[in-house]
């Protein structure tokens, strides 16, 4: 409701997840992890590749995209 707002414009994080996943797939593939085609779709191959990358980099193998994963991938881009 309007009464809950303090007049500050509301902003939401607008991350294009399809583009983010595509970039993650490209980096994984470049580093020898078979993430499948870089189509921006979070499929089984991408999740498996993420888990392998996480395991190799001493992270909890969740298969999920999180800040720690993104930072580690960007360091290898």
C-alpha atoms as a PDB file:
ATOM      1  CA  UNK A   1       0.000   0.000   0.000  1.00  0.00           C
ATOM      2  CA  UNK A   2       1.013   3.573  -0.646  1.00  0.00           C
ATOM      3  CA  UNK A   3       0.850   4.400   3.061  1.00  0.00           C
ATOM      4  CA  UNK A   4       3.777   2.019   3.693  1.00  0.00           C
ATOM      5  CA  UNK A   5       6.095   3.893   1.372  1.00  0.00           C
ATOM      6  CA  UNK A   6       8.330   6.707   2.559  1.00  0.00           C
ATOM      7  CA  UNK A   7       8.461   8.493  -0.772  1.00  0.00           C
ATOM      8  CA  UNK A   8      11.737   6.871  -1.788  1.00  0.00           C
ATOM      9  CA  UNK A   9      11.587   5.424  -5.292  1.00  0.00           C
ATOM     10  CA  UNK A  10      11.527   1.649  -5.153  1.00  0.00           C
ATOM     11  CA  UNK A  11      14.173  -0.168  -7.149  1.00  0.00           C
ATOM     12  CA  UNK A  12      14.590  -3.865  -7.703  1.00  0.00           C
ATOM     13  CA  UNK A  13      17.655  -5.719  -8.850  1.00  0.00           C
ATOM     14  CA  UNK A  14      17.228  -6.334 -12.538  1.00  0.00           C
ATOM     15  CA  UNK A  15      19.592  -9.102 -13.465  1.00  0.00           C
ATOM     16  CA  UNK A  16      19.006 -10.808 -16.767  1.00  0.00           C
ATOM     17  CA  UNK A  17      19.311 -14.358 -15.439  1.00  0.00           C
ATOM     18  CA  UNK A  18      19.306 -15.930 -18.901  1.00  0.00           C
ATOM     19  CA  UNK A  19      22.294 -13.793 -19.872  1.00  0.00           C
ATOM     20  CA  UNK A  20      23.997 -14.548 -16.537  1.00  0.00           C
ATOM     21  CA  UNK A  21      23.509 -18.308 -16.978  1.00  0.00           C
ATOM     22  CA  UNK A  22      24.809 -18.080 -20.558  1.00  0.00           C
ATOM     23  CA  UNK A  23      27.976 -16.331 -19.316  1.00  0.00           C
ATOM     24  CA  UNK A  24      28.384 -18.934 -16.573  1.00  0.00           C
ATOM     25  CA  UNK A  25      28.053 -21.700 -19.174  1.00  0.00           C
ATOM     26  CA  UNK A  26      30.668 -20.053 -21.403  1.00  0.00           C
ATOM     27  CA  UNK A  27      33.158 -19.729 -18.527  1.00  0.00           C
ATOM     28  CA  UNK A  28      32.537 -23.300 -17.346  1.00  0.00           C
ATOM     29  CA  UNK A  29      33.020 -24.678 -20.872  1.00  0.00           C
ATOM     30  CA  UNK A  30      36.188 -22.605 -21.368  1.00  0.00           C
ATOM     31  CA  UNK A  31      37.603 -24.066 -18.149  1.00  0.00           C
ATOM     32  CA  UNK A  32      36.919 -27.680 -19.103  1.00  0.00           C
ATOM     33  CA  UNK A  33      33.560 -28.193 -17.398  1.00  0.00           C
ATOM     34  CA  UNK A  34      30.954 -29.568 -19.823  1.00  0.00           C
ATOM     35  CA  UNK A  35      28.001 -27.237 -19.268  1.00  0.00           C
ATOM     36  CA  UNK A  36      26.446 -27.972 -22.658  1.00  0.00           C
ATOM     37  CA  UNK A  37      25.551 -25.292 -25.164  1.00  0.00           C
ATOM     38  CA  UNK A  38      25.623 -21.720 -23.889  1.00  0.00           C
ATOM     39  CA  UNK A  39      21.871 -21.225 -24.255  1.00  0.00           C
ATOM     40  CA  UNK A  40      21.134 -19.484 -20.964  1.00  0.00           C
ATOM     41  CA  UNK A  41      19.007 -22.392 -19.745  1.00  0.00           C
ATOM     42  CA  UNK A  42      19.849 -23.900 -16.359  1.00  0.00           C
ATOM     43  CA  UNK A  43      19.643 -27.568 -17.368  1.00  0.00           C
ATOM     44  CA  UNK A  44      21.105 -30.744 -15.919  1.00  0.00           C
ATOM     45  CA  UNK A  45      24.463 -30.360 -17.719  1.00  0.00           C
ATOM     46  CA  UNK A  46      24.881 -26.841 -16.366  1.00  0.00           C
ATOM     47  CA  UNK A  47      24.011 -27.905 -12.806  1.00  0.00           C
ATOM     48  CA  UNK A  48      26.393 -30.869 -13.021  1.00  0.00           C
ATOM     49  CA  UNK A  49      29.179 -28.633 -14.354  1.00  0.00           C
ATOM     50  CA  UNK A  50      28.543 -26.095 -11.573  1.00  0.00           C
ATOM     51  CA  UNK A  51      28.718 -28.854  -8.950  1.00  0.00           C
ATOM     52  CA  UNK A  52      32.009 -30.157 -10.413  1.00  0.00           C
ATOM     53  CA  UNK A  53      33.440 -26.632 -10.443  1.00  0.00           C
ATOM     54  CA  UNK A  54      32.276 -26.052  -6.861  1.00  0.00           C
ATOM     55  CA  UNK A  55      33.823 -29.339  -5.707  1.00  0.00           C
ATOM     56  CA  UNK A  56      37.139 -28.589  -7.445  1.00  0.00           C
ATOM     57  CA  UNK A  57      37.205 -25.150  -5.827  1.00  0.00           C
ATOM     58  CA  UNK A  58      36.415 -26.319  -2.283  1.00  0.00           C
ATOM     59  CA  UNK A  59      32.871 -24.953  -2.291  1.00  0.00           C
ATOM     60  CA  UNK A  60      29.735 -26.766  -1.198  1.00  0.00           C
ATOM     61  CA  UNK A  61      28.498 -28.515  -4.388  1.00  0.00           C
ATOM     62  CA  UNK A  62      24.958 -27.150  -4.563  1.00  0.00           C
ATOM     63  CA  UNK A  63      24.645 -26.749  -8.326  1.00  0.00           C
ATOM     64  CA  UNK A  64      23.128 -23.341  -7.634  1.00  0.00           C
ATOM     65  CA  UNK A  65      24.287 -19.940  -8.813  1.00  0.00           C
ATOM     66  CA  UNK A  66      25.348 -17.802  -5.853  1.00  0.00           C
ATOM     67  CA  UNK A  67      27.719 -14.933  -5.184  1.00  0.00           C
ATOM     68  CA  UNK A  68      30.646 -17.190  -4.254  1.00  0.00           C
ATOM     69  CA  UNK A  69      30.271 -19.156  -7.507  1.00  0.00           C
ATOM     70  CA  UNK A  70      30.045 -16.028  -9.654  1.00  0.00           C
ATOM     71  CA  UNK A  71      33.148 -14.505  -8.036  1.00  0.00           C
ATOM     72  CA  UNK A  72      35.129 -17.725  -8.517  1.00  0.00           C
ATOM     73  CA  UNK A  73      34.034 -18.007 -12.155  1.00  0.00           C
ATOM     74  CA  UNK A  74      34.828 -14.376 -12.919  1.00  0.00           C
ATOM     75  CA  UNK A  75      38.347 -14.942 -11.586  1.00  0.00           C
ATOM     76  CA  UNK A  76      38.788 -17.614 -14.296  1.00  0.00           C
ATOM     77  CA  UNK A  77      37.125 -15.801 -17.172  1.00  0.00           C
END
